[in-house]
């Protein structure tokens, strides 16, 4: 999937990614790597490290990171992960 836009949220540890296309129907929320184990996209995002939660539905995905996480490193990795969906 191609990212069309990345938007800040009120939480500095969260970014919203708007994508071309849509995700599978319904909302998908994962608060831990264990919860994400059966979801290939969420599991891939948690495997990047410093990801604390993943939420996606329709045409957007929100990723939360640890306070020490670095968006300069995570953003390209998230983009790469989404390009494989």
PDB file of N, CA and C in Angstrom:
ATOM      1  N   UNK A   1       0.832  -1.189   0.000  1.00  0.00           N
ATOM      2  CA  UNK A   1       0.000   0.000   0.000  1.00  0.00           C
ATOM      3  C   UNK A   1       0.872   1.247   0.000  1.00  0.00           C
ATOM      4  N   UNK A   2       0.441   2.209  -0.723  1.00  0.00           N
ATOM      5  CA  UNK A   2       1.165   3.472  -0.793  1.00  0.00           C
ATOM      6  C   UNK A   2       0.618   4.440   0.252  1.00  0.00           C
ATOM      7  N   UNK A   3       1.512   5.135   0.941  1.00  0.00           N
ATOM      8  CA  UNK A   3       1.102   6.171   1.891  1.00  0.00           C
ATOM      9  C   UNK A   3       0.849   7.456   1.121  1.00  0.00           C
ATOM     10  N   UNK A   4      -0.344   8.006   1.279  1.00  0.00           N
ATOM     11  CA  UNK A   4      -0.693   9.263   0.626  1.00  0.00           C
ATOM     12  C   UNK A   4      -0.338  10.466   1.480  1.00  0.00           C
ATOM     13  N   UNK A   5      -0.426  10.291   2.810  1.00  0.00           N
ATOM     14  CA  UNK A   5      -0.193  11.408   3.718  1.00  0.00           C
ATOM     15  C   UNK A   5       0.123  10.852   5.097  1.00  0.00           C
ATOM     16  N   UNK A   6       0.912  11.585   5.836  1.00  0.00           N
ATOM     17  CA  UNK A   6       1.167  11.280   7.247  1.00  0.00           C
ATOM     18  C   UNK A   6       0.737  12.495   8.039  1.00  0.00           C
ATOM     19  N   UNK A   7      -0.085  12.266   9.069  1.00  0.00           N
ATOM     20  CA  UNK A   7      -0.631  13.372   9.841  1.00  0.00           C
ATOM     21  C   UNK A   7      -0.267  13.227  11.310  1.00  0.00           C
ATOM     22  N   UNK A   8       0.080  14.343  11.949  1.00  0.00           N
ATOM     23  CA  UNK A   8       0.314  14.292  13.389  1.00  0.00           C
ATOM     24  C   UNK A   8      -1.017  14.087  14.118  1.00  0.00           C
ATOM     25  N   UNK A   9      -0.926  13.659  15.336  1.00  0.00           N
ATOM     26  CA  UNK A   9      -2.102  13.543  16.192  1.00  0.00           C
ATOM     27  C   UNK A   9      -1.832  14.394  17.430  1.00  0.00           C
ATOM     28  N   UNK A  10      -2.826  14.586  18.290  1.00  0.00           N
ATOM     29  CA  UNK A  10      -2.556  15.333  19.531  1.00  0.00           C
ATOM     30  C   UNK A  10      -1.491  14.659  20.396  1.00  0.00           C
ATOM     31  N   UNK A  11      -1.296  13.360  20.205  1.00  0.00           N
ATOM     32  CA  UNK A  11      -0.291  12.610  20.941  1.00  0.00           C
ATOM     33  C   UNK A  11       1.016  12.637  20.139  1.00  0.00           C
ATOM     34  N   UNK A  12       2.098  13.213  20.674  1.00  0.00           N
ATOM     35  CA  UNK A  12       3.352  13.267  19.917  1.00  0.00           C
ATOM     36  C   UNK A  12       3.968  11.891  19.663  1.00  0.00           C
ATOM     37  N   UNK A  13       3.486  10.880  20.350  1.00  0.00           N
ATOM     38  CA  UNK A  13       3.989   9.521  20.149  1.00  0.00           C
ATOM     39  C   UNK A  13       3.137   8.724  19.175  1.00  0.00           C
ATOM     40  N   UNK A  14       2.243   9.396  18.452  1.00  0.00           N
ATOM     41  CA  UNK A  14       1.373   8.714  17.490  1.00  0.00           C
ATOM     42  C   UNK A  14       1.371   9.466  16.158  1.00  0.00           C
ATOM     43  N   UNK A  15       1.373   8.701  15.079  1.00  0.00           N
ATOM     44  CA  UNK A  15       1.216   9.265  13.745  1.00  0.00           C
ATOM     45  C   UNK A  15       0.110   8.509  13.025  1.00  0.00           C
ATOM     46  N   UNK A  16      -0.626   9.243  12.201  1.00  0.00           N
ATOM     47  CA  UNK A  16      -1.696   8.671  11.393  1.00  0.00           C
ATOM     48  C   UNK A  16      -1.224   8.638   9.943  1.00  0.00           C
ATOM     49  N   UNK A  17      -1.325   7.462   9.337  1.00  0.00           N
ATOM     50  CA  UNK A  17      -0.905   7.258   7.959  1.00  0.00           C
ATOM     51  C   UNK A  17      -2.146   7.034   7.101  1.00  0.00           C
ATOM     52  N   UNK A  18      -2.358   7.891   6.109  1.00  0.00           N
ATOM     53  CA  UNK A  18      -3.458   7.750   5.165  1.00  0.00           C
ATOM     54  C   UNK A  18      -2.902   6.980   3.970  1.00  0.00           C
ATOM     55  N   UNK A  19      -3.605   5.917   3.564  1.00  0.00           N
ATOM     56  CA  UNK A  19      -3.094   5.056   2.498  1.00  0.00           C
ATOM     57  C   UNK A  19      -4.019   5.046   1.288  1.00  0.00           C
ATOM     58  N   UNK A  20      -3.442   4.700   0.150  1.00  0.00           N
ATOM     59  CA  UNK A  20      -4.225   4.474  -1.062  1.00  0.00           C
ATOM     60  C   UNK A  20      -4.846   3.091  -0.907  1.00  0.00           C
ATOM     61  N   UNK A  21      -6.132   2.985  -1.116  1.00  0.00           N
ATOM     62  CA  UNK A  21      -6.813   1.697  -0.929  1.00  0.00           C
ATOM     63  C   UNK A  21      -7.426   1.616   0.452  1.00  0.00           C
ATOM     64  N   UNK A  22      -7.882   0.433   0.793  1.00  0.00           N
ATOM     65  CA  UNK A  22      -8.499   0.241   2.100  1.00  0.00           C
ATOM     66  C   UNK A  22      -7.989  -1.045   2.736  1.00  0.00           C
ATOM     67  N   UNK A  23      -8.032  -1.051   4.050  1.00  0.00           N
ATOM     68  CA  UNK A  23      -7.685  -2.235   4.820  1.00  0.00           C
ATOM     69  C   UNK A  23      -8.898  -3.156   4.890  1.00  0.00           C
ATOM     70  N   UNK A  24      -8.723  -4.396   5.358  1.00  0.00           N
ATOM     71  CA  UNK A  24      -9.870  -5.297   5.505  1.00  0.00           C
ATOM     72  C   UNK A  24     -10.966  -4.656   6.361  1.00  0.00           C
ATOM     73  N   UNK A  25     -12.203  -5.033   6.103  1.00  0.00           N
ATOM     74  CA  UNK A  25     -13.368  -4.440   6.772  1.00  0.00           C
ATOM     75  C   UNK A  25     -13.239  -4.502   8.291  1.00  0.00           C
ATOM     76  N   UNK A  26     -13.786  -3.500   8.940  1.00  0.00           N
ATOM     77  CA  UNK A  26     -13.796  -3.434  10.393  1.00  0.00           C
ATOM     78  C   UNK A  26     -12.600  -2.675  10.931  1.00  0.00           C
ATOM     79  N   UNK A  27     -12.603  -2.500  12.243  1.00  0.00           N
ATOM     80  CA  UNK A  27     -11.471  -1.838  12.882  1.00  0.00           C
ATOM     81  C   UNK A  27     -10.577  -2.907  13.508  1.00  0.00           C
ATOM     82  N   UNK A  28      -9.288  -2.623  13.504  1.00  0.00           N
ATOM     83  CA  UNK A  28      -8.288  -3.575  13.977  1.00  0.00           C
ATOM     84  C   UNK A  28      -7.377  -2.843  14.950  1.00  0.00           C
ATOM     85  N   UNK A  29      -7.395  -3.250  16.209  1.00  0.00           N
ATOM     86  CA  UNK A  29      -6.646  -2.565  17.249  1.00  0.00           C
ATOM     87  C   UNK A  29      -5.786  -3.562  18.017  1.00  0.00           C
ATOM     88  N   UNK A  30      -4.522  -3.215  18.210  1.00  0.00           N
ATOM     89  CA  UNK A  30      -3.572  -4.094  18.886  1.00  0.00           C
ATOM     90  C   UNK A  30      -2.754  -3.272  19.870  1.00  0.00           C
ATOM     91  N   UNK A  31      -2.801  -3.669  21.123  1.00  0.00           N
ATOM     92  CA  UNK A  31      -2.107  -2.925  22.169  1.00  0.00           C
ATOM     93  C   UNK A  31      -0.803  -3.592  22.606  1.00  0.00           C
ATOM     94  N   UNK A  32      -0.468  -4.705  21.987  1.00  0.00           N
ATOM     95  CA  UNK A  32       0.784  -5.391  22.334  1.00  0.00           C
ATOM     96  C   UNK A  32       1.205  -6.288  21.182  1.00  0.00           C
ATOM     97  N   UNK A  33       2.447  -6.685  21.219  1.00  0.00           N
ATOM     98  CA  UNK A  33       2.966  -7.592  20.205  1.00  0.00           C
ATOM     99  C   UNK A  33       2.244  -8.936  20.280  1.00  0.00           C
ATOM    100  N   UNK A  34       1.919  -9.373  21.495  1.00  0.00           N
ATOM    101  CA  UNK A  34       1.198 -10.641  21.663  1.00  0.00           C
ATOM    102  C   UNK A  34      -0.174 -10.582  21.007  1.00  0.00           C
ATOM    103  N   UNK A  35      -0.900  -9.476  21.183  1.00  0.00           N
ATOM    104  CA  UNK A  35      -2.219  -9.322  20.557  1.00  0.00           C
ATOM    105  C   UNK A  35      -2.106  -9.322  19.030  1.00  0.00           C
ATOM    106  N   UNK A  36      -0.997  -8.808  18.523  1.00  0.00           N
ATOM    107  CA  UNK A  36      -0.814  -8.658  17.074  1.00  0.00           C
ATOM    108  C   UNK A  36      -0.294  -9.919  16.406  1.00  0.00           C
ATOM    109  N   UNK A  37       0.020 -10.943  17.157  1.00  0.00           N
ATOM    110  CA  UNK A  37       0.696 -12.130  16.626  1.00  0.00           C
ATOM    111  C   UNK A  37      -0.016 -12.769  15.438  1.00  0.00           C
ATOM    112  N   UNK A  38      -1.344 -12.732  15.409  1.00  0.00           N
ATOM    113  CA  UNK A  38      -2.092 -13.383  14.332  1.00  0.00           C
ATOM    114  C   UNK A  38      -2.446 -12.444  13.183  1.00  0.00           C
ATOM    115  N   UNK A  39      -2.015 -11.203  13.271  1.00  0.00           N
ATOM    116  CA  UNK A  39      -2.289 -10.222  12.222  1.00  0.00           C
ATOM    117  C   UNK A  39      -0.964  -9.865  11.548  1.00  0.00           C
ATOM    118  N   UNK A  40      -0.760 -10.283  10.295  1.00  0.00           N
ATOM    119  CA  UNK A  40       0.546 -10.061   9.652  1.00  0.00           C
ATOM    120  C   UNK A  40       1.005  -8.606   9.611  1.00  0.00           C
ATOM    121  N   UNK A  41       0.097  -7.675   9.321  1.00  0.00           N
ATOM    122  CA  UNK A  41       0.492  -6.268   9.260  1.00  0.00           C
ATOM    123  C   UNK A  41       0.899  -5.764  10.634  1.00  0.00           C
ATOM    124  N   UNK A  42       0.054  -5.960  11.619  1.00  0.00           N
ATOM    125  CA  UNK A  42       0.356  -5.469  12.966  1.00  0.00           C
ATOM    126  C   UNK A  42       1.615  -6.134  13.519  1.00  0.00           C
ATOM    127  N   UNK A  43       1.764  -7.431  13.294  1.00  0.00           N
ATOM    128  CA  UNK A  43       2.957  -8.139  13.773  1.00  0.00           C
ATOM    129  C   UNK A  43       4.215  -7.551  13.139  1.00  0.00           C
ATOM    130  N   UNK A  44       4.150  -7.238  11.854  1.00  0.00           N
ATOM    131  CA  UNK A  44       5.298  -6.637  11.162  1.00  0.00           C
ATOM    132  C   UNK A  44       5.649  -5.277  11.746  1.00  0.00           C
ATOM    133  N   UNK A  45       4.629  -4.496  12.073  1.00  0.00           N
ATOM    134  CA  UNK A  45       4.883  -3.171  12.642  1.00  0.00           C
ATOM    135  C   UNK A  45       5.478  -3.276  14.041  1.00  0.00           C
ATOM    136  N   UNK A  46       4.958  -4.173  14.870  1.00  0.00           N
ATOM    137  CA  UNK A  46       5.530  -4.355  16.204  1.00  0.00           C
ATOM    138  C   UNK A  46       6.971  -4.847  16.118  1.00  0.00           C
ATOM    139  N   UNK A  47       7.289  -5.630  15.102  1.00  0.00           N
ATOM    140  CA  UNK A  47       8.648  -6.169  14.982  1.00  0.00           C
ATOM    141  C   UNK A  47       9.678  -5.078  14.686  1.00  0.00           C
ATOM    142  N   UNK A  48       9.223  -3.887  14.315  1.00  0.00           N
ATOM    143  CA  UNK A  48      10.143  -2.781  14.058  1.00  0.00           C
ATOM    144  C   UNK A  48      10.795  -2.275  15.341  1.00  0.00           C
ATOM    145  N   UNK A  49      10.202  -2.591  16.479  1.00  0.00           N
ATOM    146  CA  UNK A  49      10.703  -2.107  17.758  1.00  0.00           C
ATOM    147  C   UNK A  49      10.131  -0.742  18.074  1.00  0.00           C
ATOM    148  N   UNK A  50      10.001  -0.454  19.337  1.00  0.00           N
ATOM    149  CA  UNK A  50       9.520   0.830  19.839  1.00  0.00           C
ATOM    150  C   UNK A  50       8.070   1.150  19.467  1.00  0.00           C
ATOM    151  N   UNK A  51       7.353   0.204  18.868  1.00  0.00           N
ATOM    152  CA  UNK A  51       5.927   0.381  18.572  1.00  0.00           C
ATOM    153  C   UNK A  51       5.146  -0.143  19.774  1.00  0.00           C
ATOM    154  N   UNK A  52       4.201   0.669  20.267  1.00  0.00           N
ATOM    155  CA  UNK A  52       3.422   0.273  21.441  1.00  0.00           C
ATOM    156  C   UNK A  52       1.977  -0.075  21.115  1.00  0.00           C
ATOM    157  N   UNK A  53       1.461   0.414  19.981  1.00  0.00           N
ATOM    158  CA  UNK A  53       0.116   0.034  19.562  1.00  0.00           C
ATOM    159  C   UNK A  53      -0.072   0.331  18.084  1.00  0.00           C
ATOM    160  N   UNK A  54      -1.030  -0.397  17.502  1.00  0.00           N
ATOM    161  CA  UNK A  54      -1.362  -0.258  16.083  1.00  0.00           C
ATOM    162  C   UNK A  54      -2.879  -0.288  15.970  1.00  0.00           C
ATOM    163  N   UNK A  55      -3.421   0.634  15.207  1.00  0.00           N
ATOM    164  CA  UNK A  55      -4.860   0.663  14.934  1.00  0.00           C
ATOM    165  C   UNK A  55      -5.039   0.962  13.459  1.00  0.00           C
ATOM    166  N   UNK A  56      -5.897   0.185  12.804  1.00  0.00           N
ATOM    167  CA  UNK A  56      -6.192   0.512  11.410  1.00  0.00           C
ATOM    168  C   UNK A  56      -7.619   0.151  11.041  1.00  0.00           C
ATOM    169  N   UNK A  57      -8.133   0.904  10.079  1.00  0.00           N
ATOM    170  CA  UNK A  57      -9.457   0.681   9.496  1.00  0.00           C
ATOM    171  C   UNK A  57      -9.583   1.570   8.261  1.00  0.00           C
ATOM    172  N   UNK A  58     -10.547   1.240   7.416  1.00  0.00           N
ATOM    173  CA  UNK A  58     -10.795   2.019   6.195  1.00  0.00           C
ATOM    174  C   UNK A  58      -9.495   2.298   5.449  1.00  0.00           C
ATOM    175  N   UNK A  59      -9.108   3.569   5.377  1.00  0.00           N
ATOM    176  CA  UNK A  59      -7.910   3.948   4.620  1.00  0.00           C
ATOM    177  C   UNK A  59      -6.841   4.607   5.497  1.00  0.00           C
ATOM    178  N   UNK A  60      -6.836   4.291   6.799  1.00  0.00           N
ATOM    179  CA  UNK A  60      -5.799   4.876   7.648  1.00  0.00           C
ATOM    180  C   UNK A  60      -5.293   3.897   8.691  1.00  0.00           C
ATOM    181  N   UNK A  61      -4.097   4.182   9.146  1.00  0.00           N
ATOM    182  CA  UNK A  61      -3.429   3.387  10.160  1.00  0.00           C
ATOM    183  C   UNK A  61      -2.792   4.352  11.146  1.00  0.00           C
ATOM    184  N   UNK A  62      -2.929   4.087  12.435  1.00  0.00           N
ATOM    185  CA  UNK A  62      -2.271   4.894  13.460  1.00  0.00           C
ATOM    186  C   UNK A  62      -1.297   4.011  14.209  1.00  0.00           C
ATOM    187  N   UNK A  63      -0.077   4.494  14.331  1.00  0.00           N
ATOM    188  CA  UNK A  63       0.969   3.781  15.051  1.00  0.00           C
ATOM    189  C   UNK A  63       1.405   4.648  16.227  1.00  0.00           C
ATOM    190  N   UNK A  64       1.480   4.033  17.399  1.00  0.00           N
ATOM    191  CA  UNK A  64       2.026   4.688  18.588  1.00  0.00           C
ATOM    192  C   UNK A  64       3.393   4.100  18.873  1.00  0.00           C
ATOM    193  N   UNK A  65       4.295   4.963  19.325  1.00  0.00           N
ATOM    194  CA  UNK A  65       5.661   4.535  19.646  1.00  0.00           C
ATOM    195  C   UNK A  65       5.969   4.827  21.112  1.00  0.00           C
ATOM    196  N   UNK A  66       7.074   4.277  21.586  1.00  0.00           N
ATOM    197  CA  UNK A  66       7.536   4.602  22.930  1.00  0.00           C
ATOM    198  C   UNK A  66       7.988   6.061  22.953  1.00  0.00           C
ATOM    199  N   UNK A  67       8.007   6.697  24.126  1.00  0.00           N
ATOM    200  CA  UNK A  67       8.492   8.077  24.188  1.00  0.00           C
ATOM    201  C   UNK A  67       9.929   8.229  23.672  1.00  0.00           C
ATOM    202  N   UNK A  68      10.740   7.206  23.834  1.00  0.00           N
ATOM    203  CA  UNK A  68      12.126   7.275  23.356  1.00  0.00           C
ATOM    204  C   UNK A  68      12.257   6.935  21.877  1.00  0.00           C
ATOM    205  N   UNK A  69      11.193   6.447  21.265  1.00  0.00           N
ATOM    206  CA  UNK A  69      11.227   6.074  19.855  1.00  0.00           C
ATOM    207  C   UNK A  69      11.506   7.273  18.963  1.00  0.00           C
ATOM    208  N   UNK A  70      12.079   7.022  17.812  1.00  0.00           N
ATOM    209  CA  UNK A  70      12.490   8.075  16.889  1.00  0.00           C
ATOM    210  C   UNK A  70      11.692   7.957  15.587  1.00  0.00           C
ATOM    211  N   UNK A  71      10.833   8.940  15.327  1.00  0.00           N
ATOM    212  CA  UNK A  71      10.039   8.911  14.095  1.00  0.00           C
ATOM    213  C   UNK A  71      10.919   8.935  12.857  1.00  0.00           C
ATOM    214  N   UNK A  72      12.090   9.558  12.943  1.00  0.00           N
ATOM    215  CA  UNK A  72      12.982   9.613  11.783  1.00  0.00           C
ATOM    216  C   UNK A  72      13.415   8.210  11.357  1.00  0.00           C
ATOM    217  N   UNK A  73      13.473   7.280  12.287  1.00  0.00           N
ATOM    218  CA  UNK A  73      13.812   5.893  11.963  1.00  0.00           C
ATOM    219  C   UNK A  73      12.559   5.058  11.704  1.00  0.00           C
ATOM    220  N   UNK A  74      11.524   5.277  12.507  1.00  0.00           N
ATOM    221  CA  UNK A  74      10.315   4.458  12.382  1.00  0.00           C
ATOM    222  C   UNK A  74       9.510   4.766  11.124  1.00  0.00           C
ATOM    223  N   UNK A  75       9.388   6.036  10.763  1.00  0.00           N
ATOM    224  CA  UNK A  75       8.554   6.409   9.616  1.00  0.00           C
ATOM    225  C   UNK A  75       8.976   5.671   8.341  1.00  0.00           C
ATOM    226  N   UNK A  76      10.269   5.670   7.977  1.00  0.00           N
ATOM    227  CA  UNK A  76      10.650   4.935   6.762  1.00  0.00           C
ATOM    228  C   UNK A  76      10.397   3.431   6.884  1.00  0.00           C
ATOM    229  N   UNK A  77      10.578   2.897   8.074  1.00  0.00           N
ATOM    230  CA  UNK A  77      10.340   1.462   8.279  1.00  0.00           C
ATOM    231  C   UNK A  77       8.859   1.132   8.156  1.00  0.00           C
ATOM    232  N   UNK A  78       7.998   2.013   8.650  1.00  0.00           N
ATOM    233  CA  UNK A  78       6.549   1.820   8.518  1.00  0.00           C
ATOM    234  C   UNK A  78       6.154   1.919   7.043  1.00  0.00           C
ATOM    235  N   UNK A  79       6.713   2.905   6.348  1.00  0.00           N
ATOM    236  CA  UNK A  79       6.451   3.053   4.912  1.00  0.00           C
ATOM    237  C   UNK A  79       6.838   1.794   4.152  1.00  0.00           C
ATOM    238  N   UNK A  80       7.993   1.257   4.463  1.00  0.00           N
ATOM    239  CA  UNK A  80       8.462   0.032   3.815  1.00  0.00           C
ATOM    240  C   UNK A  80       7.525  -1.141   4.122  1.00  0.00           C
ATOM    241  N   UNK A  81       7.104  -1.252   5.367  1.00  0.00           N
ATOM    242  CA  UNK A  81       6.193  -2.326   5.764  1.00  0.00           C
ATOM    243  C   UNK A  81       4.875  -2.225   5.009  1.00  0.00           C
ATOM    244  N   UNK A  82       4.333  -1.019   4.928  1.00  0.00           N
ATOM    245  CA  UNK A  82       3.059  -0.825   4.219  1.00  0.00           C
ATOM    246  C   UNK A  82       3.192  -1.072   2.716  1.00  0.00           C
ATOM    247  N   UNK A  83       4.352  -0.827   2.169  1.00  0.00           N
ATOM    248  CA  UNK A  83       4.532  -1.046   0.730  1.00  0.00           C
ATOM    249  C   UNK A  83       4.432  -2.537   0.371  1.00  0.00           C
ATOM    250  N   UNK A  84       4.576  -3.398   1.352  1.00  0.00           N
ATOM    251  CA  UNK A  84       4.510  -4.840   1.131  1.00  0.00           C
ATOM    252  C   UNK A  84       3.107  -5.419   1.337  1.00  0.00           C
ATOM    253  N   UNK A  85       2.163  -4.570   1.735  1.00  0.00           N
ATOM    254  CA  UNK A  85       0.781  -5.031   1.991  1.00  0.00           C
ATOM    255  C   UNK A  85       0.028  -5.109   0.679  1.00  0.00           C
TER     256      UNK A  85
END
